[in-house]
Amino acid sequence: MQRSRTEERKNLNRKQNIQMTKQTFRRICLLCIAIFPILAYASENSRDAAPQRPMDAAFLSFRPTDYYTTAVPALSEAGTADSSSFAHWRIKTNLLYDAALMPSVEVEYRFNPQWSAAIEGNMAWWHKNSTNKCYQLATIIPEARYWFKSQGNRRGHYAGIMFGGGWYDLSDGKHGYRGEGIMTGVTYGYLFPVGKRFAFEAAIGVGYLHAWHDEYLPVDRHHVYQQSSTLGYFGPIKLRFAWTFTMGN
C-alpha cells in the first residue's frame, strides 16, 4: 500500500514538472513571435533615421568624368556595401518537409550583412478515422544567424543558434504516441541564387531533443491510455533544402 502511494506521488510530481515545462516552452515561443516583428520594425526605423555619413555623401557626389553613368553603391567606412542595399525580408519553404506532406514556411529578416533572424513553422495534420491512423505534427523554431563574409543578398555561408519545439500525435493504427517536445542546437547553411529573386538554401542542424508522450492503443476511435514516457536524443535534428523568395532590392 505504501509503495503504491509512493508511485502515485512520483507520477503526480512528474506530471506537474512536465506541465510546467510545457507552459514555459509556450511562453518562450510566444515571446519570440512577439519580439521578432518589434526588432524588425526597430531596425527599419533606425536605418531610415540614420544620418548620412560625410564619407558616403562625398562618395555619392564625386563625378570624375561624364563617361561613367552606372550607379555605384554607397560604401561604408569599412569599405563594404551599405546595409541599406540589402533585401531584408525572405520567405522560404523546406522542400524536404513538403515532400513528407508536412508543409513548411519560414520568414527571415536580415538586419544587416552579418545578422539575421528567422521563424520557421511546419505542420502536418492528417488523420483517418476508419483505420485509426494519425500523422499530426507541428513545430515552431526561431533561429538567429550570423553570416560570414557576405557575398550579397542571395549567396553566402552562415552559422545559427536555434530553439524550438512542437506537438505530435502519431499512430500506425495499432499503437499511438501523443506528446510534445523541445529542441535546441546549432545550424550551418549555405544560400545560393537561382534567378533574380529566387535562391536555394541547404542547411543542417545538430543539437538536443527532449520529448515526452503518452502511449495509447487506438480502439474503435478511442484512445486507450497505456503509459507515459520521455525521450532524450542528441544528434541531427534539422535538415533543410529550401526554395527561397527574396523581397525588396
C-alpha atoms as a PDB file:
ATOM      1  CA  MET A   1       0.000   0.000   0.000  1.00  0.00           C
ATOM      2  CA  GLN A   2       2.813   2.372   0.962  1.00  0.00           C
ATOM      3  CA  ARG A   3       4.661   1.553  -2.257  1.00  0.00           C
ATOM      4  CA  SER A   4       1.537   2.297  -4.303  1.00  0.00           C
ATOM      5  CA  ARG A   5       1.182   5.729  -2.687  1.00  0.00           C
ATOM      6  CA  THR A   6       4.859   6.485  -3.324  1.00  0.00           C
ATOM      7  CA  GLU A   7       4.434   5.621  -7.004  1.00  0.00           C
ATOM      8  CA  GLU A   8       1.357   7.841  -7.212  1.00  0.00           C
ATOM      9  CA  ARG A   9       3.297  10.774  -5.709  1.00  0.00           C
ATOM     10  CA  LYS A  10       6.152  10.245  -8.178  1.00  0.00           C
ATOM     11  CA  ASN A  11       3.736  10.160 -11.109  1.00  0.00           C
ATOM     12  CA  LEU A  12       1.986  13.294  -9.853  1.00  0.00           C
ATOM     13  CA  ASN A  13       5.282  15.159  -9.441  1.00  0.00           C
ATOM     14  CA  ARG A  14       6.417  14.075 -12.888  1.00  0.00           C
ATOM     15  CA  LYS A  15       3.165  15.272 -14.474  1.00  0.00           C
ATOM     16  CA  GLN A  16       3.443  18.613 -12.669  1.00  0.00           C
ATOM     17  CA  ASN A  17       7.040  19.056 -13.895  1.00  0.00           C
ATOM     18  CA  ILE A  18       6.007  18.203 -17.449  1.00  0.00           C
ATOM     19  CA  GLN A  19       3.120  20.689 -17.270  1.00  0.00           C
ATOM     20  CA  MET A  20       5.448  23.438 -16.033  1.00  0.00           C
ATOM     21  CA  THR A  21       7.886  22.669 -18.867  1.00  0.00           C
ATOM     22  CA  LYS A  22       5.068  22.876 -21.409  1.00  0.00           C
ATOM     23  CA  GLN A  23       3.908  26.239 -20.086  1.00  0.00           C
ATOM     24  CA  THR A  24       7.467  27.614 -20.110  1.00  0.00           C
ATOM     25  CA  PHE A  25       8.013  26.458 -23.671  1.00  0.00           C
ATOM     26  CA  ARG A  26       4.763  28.019 -24.869  1.00  0.00           C
ATOM     27  CA  ARG A  27       5.628  31.336 -23.208  1.00  0.00           C
ATOM     28  CA  ILE A  28       9.090  31.349 -24.830  1.00  0.00           C
ATOM     29  CA  CYS A  29       7.585  30.653 -28.275  1.00  0.00           C
ATOM     30  CA  LEU A  30       5.020  33.437 -27.849  1.00  0.00           C
ATOM     31  CA  LEU A  31       7.775  35.804 -26.672  1.00  0.00           C
ATOM     32  CA  CYS A  32       9.932  35.006 -29.720  1.00  0.00           C
ATOM     33  CA  ILE A  33       6.997  35.520 -32.077  1.00  0.00           C
ATOM     34  CA  ALA A  34       6.182  38.859 -30.404  1.00  0.00           C
ATOM     35  CA  ILE A  35       9.776  40.149 -30.341  1.00  0.00           C
ATOM     36  CA  PHE A  36      10.588  39.285 -33.969  1.00  0.00           C
ATOM     37  CA  PRO A  37       8.399  41.969 -35.660  1.00  0.00           C
ATOM     38  CA  ILE A  38       9.381  44.520 -32.987  1.00  0.00           C
ATOM     39  CA  LEU A  39      13.085  44.043 -33.734  1.00  0.00           C
ATOM     40  CA  ALA A  40      12.445  44.241 -37.477  1.00  0.00           C
ATOM     41  CA  TYR A  41      10.411  47.445 -37.058  1.00  0.00           C
ATOM     42  CA  ALA A  42      13.064  48.994 -34.820  1.00  0.00           C
ATOM     43  CA  SER A  43      15.786  48.090 -37.305  1.00  0.00           C
ATOM     44  CA  GLU A  44      13.857  49.667 -40.193  1.00  0.00           C
ATOM     45  CA  ASN A  45      13.275  52.897 -38.226  1.00  0.00           C
ATOM     46  CA  SER A  46      16.885  53.167 -37.081  1.00  0.00           C
ATOM     47  CA  ARG A  47      18.118  52.695 -40.626  1.00  0.00           C
ATOM     48  CA  ASP A  48      15.727  55.306 -42.013  1.00  0.00           C
ATOM     49  CA  ALA A  49      16.637  57.780 -39.285  1.00  0.00           C
ATOM     50  CA  ALA A  50      20.399  57.228 -39.538  1.00  0.00           C
ATOM     51  CA  PRO A  51      22.174  60.402 -40.743  1.00  0.00           C
ATOM     52  CA  GLN A  52      24.262  60.188 -43.860  1.00  0.00           C
ATOM     53  CA  ARG A  53      27.960  59.864 -43.108  1.00  0.00           C
ATOM     54  CA  PRO A  54      30.271  62.511 -44.576  1.00  0.00           C
ATOM     55  CA  MET A  55      32.254  59.825 -46.397  1.00  0.00           C
ATOM     56  CA  ASP A  56      29.100  58.458 -48.073  1.00  0.00           C
ATOM     57  CA  ALA A  57      27.986  61.957 -49.109  1.00  0.00           C
ATOM     58  CA  ALA A  58      31.376  62.713 -50.598  1.00  0.00           C
ATOM     59  CA  PHE A  59      31.440  59.407 -52.440  1.00  0.00           C
ATOM     60  CA  LEU A  60      27.965  59.853 -53.919  1.00  0.00           C
ATOM     61  CA  SER A  61      28.686  63.419 -55.078  1.00  0.00           C
ATOM     62  CA  PHE A  62      32.036  62.542 -56.686  1.00  0.00           C
ATOM     63  CA  ARG A  63      31.868  62.502 -60.513  1.00  0.00           C
ATOM     64  CA  PRO A  64      35.335  62.341 -62.100  1.00  0.00           C
ATOM     65  CA  THR A  65      34.019  62.408 -65.682  1.00  0.00           C
ATOM     66  CA  ASP A  66      30.801  62.204 -67.636  1.00  0.00           C
ATOM     67  CA  TYR A  67      31.819  58.902 -69.213  1.00  0.00           C
ATOM     68  CA  TYR A  68      30.576  56.870 -66.209  1.00  0.00           C
ATOM     69  CA  THR A  69      26.813  56.638 -65.996  1.00  0.00           C
ATOM     70  CA  THR A  70      26.418  53.410 -63.988  1.00  0.00           C
ATOM     71  CA  ALA A  71      25.260  53.990 -60.395  1.00  0.00           C
ATOM     72  CA  VAL A  72      27.796  52.891 -57.784  1.00  0.00           C
ATOM     73  CA  PRO A  73      26.508  51.648 -54.374  1.00  0.00           C
ATOM     74  CA  ALA A  74      27.415  53.690 -51.329  1.00  0.00           C
ATOM     75  CA  LEU A  75      30.340  52.410 -49.275  1.00  0.00           C
ATOM     76  CA  SER A  76      30.608  52.446 -45.513  1.00  0.00           C
ATOM     77  CA  GLU A  77      33.723  53.472 -43.647  1.00  0.00           C
ATOM     78  CA  ALA A  78      34.825  49.833 -43.585  1.00  0.00           C
ATOM     79  CA  GLY A  79      34.662  49.723 -47.366  1.00  0.00           C
ATOM     80  CA  THR A  80      31.786  47.222 -47.626  1.00  0.00           C
ATOM     81  CA  ALA A  81      28.348  47.614 -49.167  1.00  0.00           C
ATOM     82  CA  ASP A  82      25.918  49.599 -47.053  1.00  0.00           C
ATOM     83  CA  SER A  83      23.241  47.513 -45.287  1.00  0.00           C
ATOM     84  CA  SER A  84      20.524  49.620 -46.914  1.00  0.00           C
ATOM     85  CA  SER A  85      21.358  47.897 -50.220  1.00  0.00           C
ATOM     86  CA  PHE A  86      20.304  44.527 -48.786  1.00  0.00           C
ATOM     87  CA  ALA A  87      16.875  42.951 -49.288  1.00  0.00           C
ATOM     88  CA  HIS A  88      15.754  42.421 -45.707  1.00  0.00           C
ATOM     89  CA  TRP A  89      12.800  40.015 -45.986  1.00  0.00           C
ATOM     90  CA  ARG A  90      12.982  36.464 -47.260  1.00  0.00           C
ATOM     91  CA  ILE A  91      10.233  33.789 -47.436  1.00  0.00           C
ATOM     92  CA  LYS A  92      11.138  30.093 -47.651  1.00  0.00           C
ATOM     93  CA  THR A  93       9.660  26.615 -47.802  1.00  0.00           C
ATOM     94  CA  ASN A  94      11.569  23.440 -46.949  1.00  0.00           C
ATOM     95  CA  LEU A  95      11.116  21.131 -49.927  1.00  0.00           C
ATOM     96  CA  LEU A  96      12.123  18.065 -47.882  1.00  0.00           C
ATOM     97  CA  TYR A  97       9.321  18.629 -45.369  1.00  0.00           C
ATOM     98  CA  ASP A  98       6.879  19.475 -48.153  1.00  0.00           C
ATOM     99  CA  ALA A  99       7.682  16.121 -49.777  1.00  0.00           C
ATOM    100  CA  ALA A 100       6.946  14.447 -46.428  1.00  0.00           C
ATOM    101  CA  LEU A 101       3.441  16.018 -46.504  1.00  0.00           C
ATOM    102  CA  MET A 102       4.376  18.459 -43.773  1.00  0.00           C
ATOM    103  CA  PRO A 103       4.019  21.968 -45.278  1.00  0.00           C
ATOM    104  CA  SER A 104       6.785  24.317 -44.180  1.00  0.00           C
ATOM    105  CA  VAL A 105       7.007  28.129 -44.108  1.00  0.00           C
ATOM    106  CA  GLU A 106       9.876  30.281 -42.845  1.00  0.00           C
ATOM    107  CA  VAL A 107      10.207  34.065 -42.634  1.00  0.00           C
ATOM    108  CA  GLU A 108      13.681  35.555 -42.298  1.00  0.00           C
ATOM    109  CA  TYR A 109      14.680  39.165 -41.648  1.00  0.00           C
ATOM    110  CA  ARG A 110      18.184  40.409 -42.457  1.00  0.00           C
ATOM    111  CA  PHE A 111      19.166  43.162 -40.010  1.00  0.00           C
ATOM    112  CA  ASN A 112      22.464  43.847 -41.761  1.00  0.00           C
ATOM    113  CA  PRO A 113      25.024  41.930 -43.872  1.00  0.00           C
ATOM    114  CA  GLN A 114      26.140  39.913 -40.813  1.00  0.00           C
ATOM    115  CA  TRP A 115      22.981  39.149 -38.783  1.00  0.00           C
ATOM    116  CA  SER A 116      19.511  37.802 -39.458  1.00  0.00           C
ATOM    117  CA  ALA A 117      16.660  36.176 -37.531  1.00  0.00           C
ATOM    118  CA  ALA A 118      14.121  33.635 -38.746  1.00  0.00           C
ATOM    119  CA  ILE A 119      10.980  31.862 -37.563  1.00  0.00           C
ATOM    120  CA  GLU A 120      10.111  28.507 -39.128  1.00  0.00           C
ATOM    121  CA  GLY A 121       6.779  26.725 -38.830  1.00  0.00           C
ATOM    122  CA  ASN A 122       5.932  23.198 -40.009  1.00  0.00           C
ATOM    123  CA  MET A 123       2.634  21.355 -39.726  1.00  0.00           C
ATOM    124  CA  ALA A 124       1.180  18.031 -40.821  1.00  0.00           C
ATOM    125  CA  TRP A 125      -2.388  17.378 -39.727  1.00  0.00           C
ATOM    126  CA  TRP A 126      -3.565  14.145 -41.328  1.00  0.00           C
ATOM    127  CA  HIS A 127      -5.994  11.717 -39.721  1.00  0.00           C
ATOM    128  CA  LYS A 128      -8.006   8.759 -40.970  1.00  0.00           C
ATOM    129  CA  ASN A 129     -10.721   7.598 -38.582  1.00  0.00           C
ATOM    130  CA  SER A 130     -11.542   4.385 -40.436  1.00  0.00           C
ATOM    131  CA  THR A 131      -8.064   2.941 -39.827  1.00  0.00           C
ATOM    132  CA  ASN A 132      -7.164   4.894 -36.670  1.00  0.00           C
ATOM    133  CA  LYS A 133      -4.050   6.172 -38.444  1.00  0.00           C
ATOM    134  CA  CYS A 134      -2.779   9.582 -37.486  1.00  0.00           C
ATOM    135  CA  TYR A 135       0.050  11.806 -38.743  1.00  0.00           C
ATOM    136  CA  GLN A 136      -0.122  15.092 -36.872  1.00  0.00           C
ATOM    137  CA  LEU A 137       2.991  17.143 -36.199  1.00  0.00           C
ATOM    138  CA  ALA A 138       3.556  20.874 -35.683  1.00  0.00           C
ATOM    139  CA  THR A 139       6.762  22.749 -34.828  1.00  0.00           C
ATOM    140  CA  ILE A 140       7.825  26.369 -34.247  1.00  0.00           C
ATOM    141  CA  ILE A 141      11.570  27.084 -34.453  1.00  0.00           C
ATOM    142  CA  PRO A 142      13.069  30.586 -34.024  1.00  0.00           C
ATOM    143  CA  GLU A 143      16.698  30.961 -35.108  1.00  0.00           C
ATOM    144  CA  ALA A 144      19.420  33.629 -35.002  1.00  0.00           C
ATOM    145  CA  ARG A 145      22.053  33.531 -37.773  1.00  0.00           C
ATOM    146  CA  TYR A 146      25.474  35.013 -38.299  1.00  0.00           C
ATOM    147  CA  TRP A 147      26.536  35.366 -41.941  1.00  0.00           C
ATOM    148  CA  PHE A 148      30.192  35.007 -42.739  1.00  0.00           C
ATOM    149  CA  LYS A 149      31.927  37.213 -45.299  1.00  0.00           C
ATOM    150  CA  SER A 150      28.904  38.476 -47.199  1.00  0.00           C
ATOM    151  CA  GLN A 151      28.663  37.703 -50.904  1.00  0.00           C
ATOM    152  CA  GLY A 152      25.478  39.687 -51.496  1.00  0.00           C
ATOM    153  CA  ASN A 153      21.781  39.295 -50.823  1.00  0.00           C
ATOM    154  CA  ARG A 154      21.370  35.732 -52.002  1.00  0.00           C
ATOM    155  CA  ARG A 155      24.697  33.970 -51.573  1.00  0.00           C
ATOM    156  CA  GLY A 156      26.786  33.067 -48.542  1.00  0.00           C
ATOM    157  CA  HIS A 157      27.520  30.770 -45.590  1.00  0.00           C
ATOM    158  CA  TYR A 158      26.010  31.165 -42.131  1.00  0.00           C
ATOM    159  CA  ALA A 159      26.001  29.614 -38.658  1.00  0.00           C
ATOM    160  CA  GLY A 160      22.981  29.786 -36.402  1.00  0.00           C
ATOM    161  CA  ILE A 161      21.542  29.030 -32.975  1.00  0.00           C
ATOM    162  CA  MET A 162      18.018  27.658 -32.766  1.00  0.00           C
ATOM    163  CA  PHE A 163      15.490  26.845 -30.067  1.00  0.00           C
ATOM    164  CA  GLY A 164      12.006  25.497 -30.611  1.00  0.00           C
ATOM    165  CA  GLY A 165       9.582  22.697 -30.105  1.00  0.00           C
ATOM    166  CA  GLY A 166       6.270  21.246 -31.139  1.00  0.00           C
ATOM    167  CA  TRP A 167       3.354  18.919 -30.667  1.00  0.00           C
ATOM    168  CA  TYR A 168       2.730  15.497 -32.218  1.00  0.00           C
ATOM    169  CA  ASP A 169       0.199  12.674 -32.441  1.00  0.00           C
ATOM    170  CA  LEU A 170       1.419   9.666 -34.412  1.00  0.00           C
ATOM    171  CA  SER A 171      -0.397   6.357 -34.876  1.00  0.00           C
ATOM    172  CA  ASP A 172       0.000   3.451 -37.293  1.00  0.00           C
ATOM    173  CA  GLY A 173      -3.437   2.072 -36.428  1.00  0.00           C
ATOM    174  CA  LYS A 174      -2.086  -0.284 -33.752  1.00  0.00           C
ATOM    175  CA  HIS A 175      -0.044   1.934 -31.453  1.00  0.00           C
ATOM    176  CA  GLY A 176      -0.121   5.677 -30.937  1.00  0.00           C
ATOM    177  CA  TYR A 177       2.057   8.338 -29.336  1.00  0.00           C
ATOM    178  CA  ARG A 178       0.840  11.797 -28.363  1.00  0.00           C
ATOM    179  CA  GLY A 179       3.050  14.405 -26.767  1.00  0.00           C
ATOM    180  CA  GLU A 180       5.241  17.476 -27.013  1.00  0.00           C
ATOM    181  CA  GLY A 181       8.937  18.186 -27.309  1.00  0.00           C
ATOM    182  CA  ILE A 182      11.570  20.911 -27.234  1.00  0.00           C
ATOM    183  CA  MET A 183      14.900  21.188 -29.029  1.00  0.00           C
ATOM    184  CA  THR A 184      17.962  23.399 -29.147  1.00  0.00           C
ATOM    185  CA  GLY A 185      21.086  23.308 -31.250  1.00  0.00           C
ATOM    186  CA  VAL A 186      23.354  24.916 -33.825  1.00  0.00           C
ATOM    187  CA  THR A 187      22.941  25.098 -37.590  1.00  0.00           C
ATOM    188  CA  TYR A 188      25.126  25.602 -40.638  1.00  0.00           C
ATOM    189  CA  GLY A 189      23.833  26.549 -44.064  1.00  0.00           C
ATOM    190  CA  TYR A 190      24.642  27.890 -47.488  1.00  0.00           C
ATOM    191  CA  LEU A 191      22.481  30.100 -49.722  1.00  0.00           C
ATOM    192  CA  PHE A 192      22.967  30.329 -53.491  1.00  0.00           C
ATOM    193  CA  PRO A 193      20.902  32.276 -56.071  1.00  0.00           C
ATOM    194  CA  VAL A 194      18.649  30.904 -58.808  1.00  0.00           C
ATOM    195  CA  GLY A 195      17.383  33.736 -60.994  1.00  0.00           C
ATOM    196  CA  LYS A 196      16.756  37.322 -59.946  1.00  0.00           C
ATOM    197  CA  ARG A 197      14.698  36.886 -56.768  1.00  0.00           C
ATOM    198  CA  PHE A 198      14.879  33.169 -56.030  1.00  0.00           C
ATOM    199  CA  ALA A 199      17.501  31.051 -54.303  1.00  0.00           C
ATOM    200  CA  PHE A 200      18.116  27.634 -52.795  1.00  0.00           C
ATOM    201  CA  GLU A 201      19.267  27.112 -49.222  1.00  0.00           C
ATOM    202  CA  ALA A 202      20.854  23.933 -47.863  1.00  0.00           C
ATOM    203  CA  ALA A 203      21.308  23.560 -44.097  1.00  0.00           C
ATOM    204  CA  ILE A 204      21.756  21.036 -41.317  1.00  0.00           C
ATOM    205  CA  GLY A 205      21.163  21.353 -37.573  1.00  0.00           C
ATOM    206  CA  VAL A 206      22.679  19.363 -34.711  1.00  0.00           C
ATOM    207  CA  GLY A 207      21.552  19.535 -31.106  1.00  0.00           C
ATOM    208  CA  TYR A 208      19.483  18.055 -28.286  1.00  0.00           C
ATOM    209  CA  LEU A 209      15.834  16.990 -28.430  1.00  0.00           C
ATOM    210  CA  HIS A 210      13.727  16.244 -25.364  1.00  0.00           C
ATOM    211  CA  ALA A 211      10.216  14.833 -25.792  1.00  0.00           C
ATOM    212  CA  TRP A 212       7.528  13.459 -23.526  1.00  0.00           C
ATOM    213  CA  HIS A 213       4.481  11.495 -24.680  1.00  0.00           C
ATOM    214  CA  ASP A 214       1.585   9.272 -23.727  1.00  0.00           C
ATOM    215  CA  GLU A 215       1.389   5.890 -25.408  1.00  0.00           C
ATOM    216  CA  TYR A 216      -2.089   4.681 -26.322  1.00  0.00           C
ATOM    217  CA  LEU A 217      -3.957   1.956 -28.206  1.00  0.00           C
ATOM    218  CA  PRO A 218      -6.488   3.179 -30.808  1.00  0.00           C
ATOM    219  CA  VAL A 219      -9.634   1.122 -30.294  1.00  0.00           C
ATOM    220  CA  ASP A 220     -12.945   1.961 -32.037  1.00  0.00           C
ATOM    221  CA  ARG A 221     -11.929   5.601 -32.499  1.00  0.00           C
ATOM    222  CA  HIS A 222     -10.987   5.845 -28.820  1.00  0.00           C
ATOM    223  CA  HIS A 223      -7.528   6.170 -27.303  1.00  0.00           C
ATOM    224  CA  VAL A 224      -6.832   3.681 -24.515  1.00  0.00           C
ATOM    225  CA  TYR A 225      -4.035   5.037 -22.342  1.00  0.00           C
ATOM    226  CA  GLN A 226      -1.083   2.707 -21.725  1.00  0.00           C
ATOM    227  CA  GLN A 227       1.828   4.626 -20.202  1.00  0.00           C
ATOM    228  CA  SER A 228       3.800   7.878 -20.216  1.00  0.00           C
ATOM    229  CA  SER A 229       7.482   8.196 -21.022  1.00  0.00           C
ATOM    230  CA  THR A 230      10.198  10.674 -22.030  1.00  0.00           C
ATOM    231  CA  LEU A 231      12.863  10.645 -24.719  1.00  0.00           C
ATOM    232  CA  GLY A 232      16.244  12.374 -24.875  1.00  0.00           C
ATOM    233  CA  TYR A 233      18.208  12.478 -28.118  1.00  0.00           C
ATOM    234  CA  PHE A 234      21.426  14.179 -29.274  1.00  0.00           C
ATOM    235  CA  GLY A 235      22.347  14.313 -32.953  1.00  0.00           C
ATOM    236  CA  PRO A 236      20.979  15.721 -36.217  1.00  0.00           C
ATOM    237  CA  ILE A 237      17.636  17.386 -35.555  1.00  0.00           C
ATOM    238  CA  LYS A 238      17.158  19.532 -38.653  1.00  0.00           C
ATOM    239  CA  LEU A 239      17.670  19.097 -42.392  1.00  0.00           C
ATOM    240  CA  ARG A 240      16.683  21.735 -44.914  1.00  0.00           C
ATOM    241  CA  PHE A 241      16.741  22.208 -48.657  1.00  0.00           C
ATOM    242  CA  ALA A 242      14.605  25.291 -49.088  1.00  0.00           C
ATOM    243  CA  TRP A 243      13.193  27.262 -52.002  1.00  0.00           C
ATOM    244  CA  THR A 244      13.610  30.959 -51.188  1.00  0.00           C
ATOM    245  CA  PHE A 245      11.926  34.127 -52.421  1.00  0.00           C
ATOM    246  CA  THR A 246      13.694  37.435 -51.734  1.00  0.00           C
ATOM    247  CA  MET A 247      11.589  40.561 -51.194  1.00  0.00           C
ATOM    248  CA  GLY A 248      12.847  44.079 -51.802  1.00  0.00           C
ATOM    249  CA  ASN A 249      16.046  45.110 -53.547  1.00  0.00           C
END
